[in-house]
Amino acid sequence: MRKKLRNLGYVLFLSGTILFGIMHLAIALYIPSLGGWGDPPGLIATVLSEIAGWVPYILSIVFMIMGAFLIAIDLSNNSSLWQNLNADERNQESGGEQNNN
């Protein structure tokens, strides 16, 4: 199960990164044909509104955050500190059982 979550995290992070790059490519290709833009919304916000790119842009950021979160959870669960603590607990439990017999 953990391997599936880790792989899902990798897929989400990679797909979010690719979608983010494609959106920035689309923004860069549209900027030369932009007639004008206002300072308060900014250049990227104006282009995203004109090409209807807000949904994929926000979705790419959400994918990257979710993927990074799943990867970080997997890494924290597999860190050497947690493994050492779990190994010590297992050793104490098995030692206690042997002393009782």
C-alpha atoms as a PDB file:
ATOM      1  CA  MET A   1       0.000   0.000   0.000  1.00  0.00           C
ATOM      2  CA  ARG A   2       2.781   2.411   0.859  1.00  0.00           C
ATOM      3  CA  LYS A   3       4.515   1.696  -2.432  1.00  0.00           C
ATOM      4  CA  LYS A   4       1.300   2.546  -4.291  1.00  0.00           C
ATOM      5  CA  LEU A   5       0.989   5.855  -2.427  1.00  0.00           C
ATOM      6  CA  ARG A   6       4.631   6.680  -3.117  1.00  0.00           C
ATOM      7  CA  ASN A   7       4.178   5.899  -6.811  1.00  0.00           C
ATOM      8  CA  LEU A   8       0.999   7.989  -6.864  1.00  0.00           C
ATOM      9  CA  GLY A   9       2.990  10.845  -5.329  1.00  0.00           C
ATOM     10  CA  TYR A  10       5.645  10.530  -8.021  1.00  0.00           C
ATOM     11  CA  VAL A  11       3.029  10.481 -10.784  1.00  0.00           C
ATOM     12  CA  LEU A  12       1.159  13.467  -9.364  1.00  0.00           C
ATOM     13  CA  PHE A  13       4.324  15.498  -8.894  1.00  0.00           C
ATOM     14  CA  LEU A  14       5.611  14.670 -12.379  1.00  0.00           C
ATOM     15  CA  SER A  15       2.278  15.356 -14.094  1.00  0.00           C
ATOM     16  CA  GLY A  16       1.904  18.626 -12.193  1.00  0.00           C
ATOM     17  CA  THR A  17       5.398  19.685 -13.219  1.00  0.00           C
ATOM     18  CA  ILE A  18       4.757  18.846 -16.879  1.00  0.00           C
ATOM     19  CA  LEU A  19       1.400  20.643 -16.879  1.00  0.00           C
ATOM     20  CA  PHE A  20       2.990  23.652 -15.160  1.00  0.00           C
ATOM     21  CA  GLY A  21       5.693  23.760 -17.857  1.00  0.00           C
ATOM     22  CA  ILE A  22       3.150  23.470 -20.662  1.00  0.00           C
ATOM     23  CA  MET A  23       1.112  26.294 -19.185  1.00  0.00           C
ATOM     24  CA  HIS A  24       4.186  28.518 -18.981  1.00  0.00           C
ATOM     25  CA  LEU A  25       4.988  27.644 -22.588  1.00  0.00           C
ATOM     26  CA  ALA A  26       1.459  28.657 -23.577  1.00  0.00           C
ATOM     27  CA  ILE A  27       1.830  31.917 -21.636  1.00  0.00           C
ATOM     28  CA  ALA A  28       5.158  32.666 -23.306  1.00  0.00           C
ATOM     29  CA  LEU A  29       3.720  31.987 -26.757  1.00  0.00           C
ATOM     30  CA  TYR A  30       0.687  34.229 -26.165  1.00  0.00           C
ATOM     31  CA  ILE A  31       2.509  37.229 -24.671  1.00  0.00           C
ATOM     32  CA  PRO A  32       3.720  38.717 -28.016  1.00  0.00           C
ATOM     33  CA  SER A  33       0.138  38.943 -29.308  1.00  0.00           C
ATOM     34  CA  LEU A  34      -1.139  40.549 -26.105  1.00  0.00           C
ATOM     35  CA  GLY A  35      -2.564  43.999 -26.810  1.00  0.00           C
ATOM     36  CA  GLY A  36      -2.183  45.466 -23.330  1.00  0.00           C
ATOM     37  CA  TRP A  37      -2.251  44.537 -19.714  1.00  0.00           C
ATOM     38  CA  GLY A  38      -2.944  46.316 -16.475  1.00  0.00           C
ATOM     39  CA  ASP A  39      -0.597  46.513 -13.548  1.00  0.00           C
ATOM     40  CA  PRO A  40      -2.960  45.326 -10.787  1.00  0.00           C
ATOM     41  CA  PRO A  41      -3.725  41.884 -12.258  1.00  0.00           C
ATOM     42  CA  GLY A  42      -0.295  41.555 -13.835  1.00  0.00           C
ATOM     43  CA  LEU A  43       0.922  40.056 -17.076  1.00  0.00           C
ATOM     44  CA  ILE A  44       0.535  36.364 -16.216  1.00  0.00           C
ATOM     45  CA  ALA A  45      -2.942  36.869 -14.752  1.00  0.00           C
ATOM     46  CA  THR A  46      -4.041  38.765 -17.858  1.00  0.00           C
ATOM     47  CA  VAL A  47      -2.738  36.055 -20.189  1.00  0.00           C
ATOM     48  CA  LEU A  48      -4.297  33.268 -18.111  1.00  0.00           C
ATOM     49  CA  SER A  49      -7.642  35.043 -18.247  1.00  0.00           C
ATOM     50  CA  GLU A  50      -7.448  35.532 -22.007  1.00  0.00           C
ATOM     51  CA  ILE A  51      -6.456  31.965 -22.828  1.00  0.00           C
ATOM     52  CA  ALA A  52      -8.791  30.475 -20.168  1.00  0.00           C
ATOM     53  CA  GLY A  53      -5.852  28.843 -18.472  1.00  0.00           C
ATOM     54  CA  TRP A  54      -6.666  29.303 -14.801  1.00  0.00           C
ATOM     55  CA  VAL A  55      -8.009  25.785 -14.278  1.00  0.00           C
ATOM     56  CA  PRO A  56      -4.996  23.875 -15.660  1.00  0.00           C
ATOM     57  CA  TYR A  57      -2.577  26.324 -14.020  1.00  0.00           C
ATOM     58  CA  ILE A  58      -4.122  25.901 -10.556  1.00  0.00           C
ATOM     59  CA  LEU A  59      -4.536  22.160 -11.150  1.00  0.00           C
ATOM     60  CA  SER A  60      -0.832  21.807 -11.923  1.00  0.00           C
ATOM     61  CA  ILE A  61       0.081  23.523  -8.666  1.00  0.00           C
ATOM     62  CA  VAL A  62      -2.366  21.317  -6.723  1.00  0.00           C
ATOM     63  CA  PHE A  63      -0.899  18.181  -8.350  1.00  0.00           C
ATOM     64  CA  MET A  64       2.627  19.214  -7.422  1.00  0.00           C
ATOM     65  CA  ILE A  65       1.649  19.973  -3.808  1.00  0.00           C
ATOM     66  CA  MET A  66      -0.277  16.712  -3.394  1.00  0.00           C
ATOM     67  CA  GLY A  67       2.542  14.694  -4.960  1.00  0.00           C
ATOM     68  CA  ALA A  68       5.180  16.353  -2.801  1.00  0.00           C
ATOM     69  CA  PHE A  69       3.029  15.756   0.281  1.00  0.00           C
ATOM     70  CA  LEU A  70       2.650  12.039  -0.482  1.00  0.00           C
ATOM     71  CA  ILE A  71       6.370  11.685  -1.166  1.00  0.00           C
ATOM     72  CA  ALA A  72       7.235  13.541   2.044  1.00  0.00           C
ATOM     73  CA  ILE A  73       4.925  11.298   4.071  1.00  0.00           C
ATOM     74  CA  ASP A  74       6.550   8.211   2.583  1.00  0.00           C
ATOM     75  CA  LEU A  75      10.029   9.545   3.239  1.00  0.00           C
ATOM     76  CA  SER A  76       9.201  10.463   6.817  1.00  0.00           C
ATOM     77  CA  ASN A  77       7.756   7.001   7.453  1.00  0.00           C
ATOM     78  CA  ASN A  78      10.851   5.341   5.997  1.00  0.00           C
ATOM     79  CA  SER A  79      13.423   7.583   7.633  1.00  0.00           C
ATOM     80  CA  SER A  80      16.207   5.951   9.591  1.00  0.00           C
ATOM     81  CA  LEU A  81      14.995   7.538  12.834  1.00  0.00           C
ATOM     82  CA  TRP A  82      11.598   5.844  12.574  1.00  0.00           C
ATOM     83  CA  GLN A  83      13.169   2.570  11.505  1.00  0.00           C
ATOM     84  CA  ASN A  84      15.558   2.656  14.479  1.00  0.00           C
ATOM     85  CA  LEU A  85      12.730   3.407  16.891  1.00  0.00           C
ATOM     86  CA  ASN A  86      10.578   0.650  15.456  1.00  0.00           C
ATOM     87  CA  ALA A  87      13.487  -1.821  15.543  1.00  0.00           C
ATOM     88  CA  ASP A  88      14.192  -0.947  19.188  1.00  0.00           C
ATOM     89  CA  GLU A  89      10.529  -1.467  20.074  1.00  0.00           C
ATOM     90  CA  ARG A  90      10.470  -4.822  18.295  1.00  0.00           C
ATOM     91  CA  ASN A  91      13.651  -5.901  20.083  1.00  0.00           C
ATOM     92  CA  GLN A  92      12.198  -4.918  23.458  1.00  0.00           C
ATOM     93  CA  GLU A  93       8.948  -6.772  22.726  1.00  0.00           C
ATOM     94  CA  SER A  94      10.711  -9.908  21.561  1.00  0.00           C
ATOM     95  CA  GLY A  95      13.136  -9.740  24.524  1.00  0.00           C
ATOM     96  CA  GLY A  96      10.254  -9.377  26.945  1.00  0.00           C
ATOM     97  CA  GLU A  97       8.481 -12.385  25.461  1.00  0.00           C
ATOM     98  CA  GLN A  98      11.612 -14.507  25.727  1.00  0.00           C
ATOM     99  CA  ASN A  99      12.089 -13.585  29.392  1.00  0.00           C
ATOM    100  CA  ASN A 100       8.501 -14.566  30.194  1.00  0.00           C
ATOM    101  CA  ASN A 101       8.971 -18.073  28.766  1.00  0.00           C
END
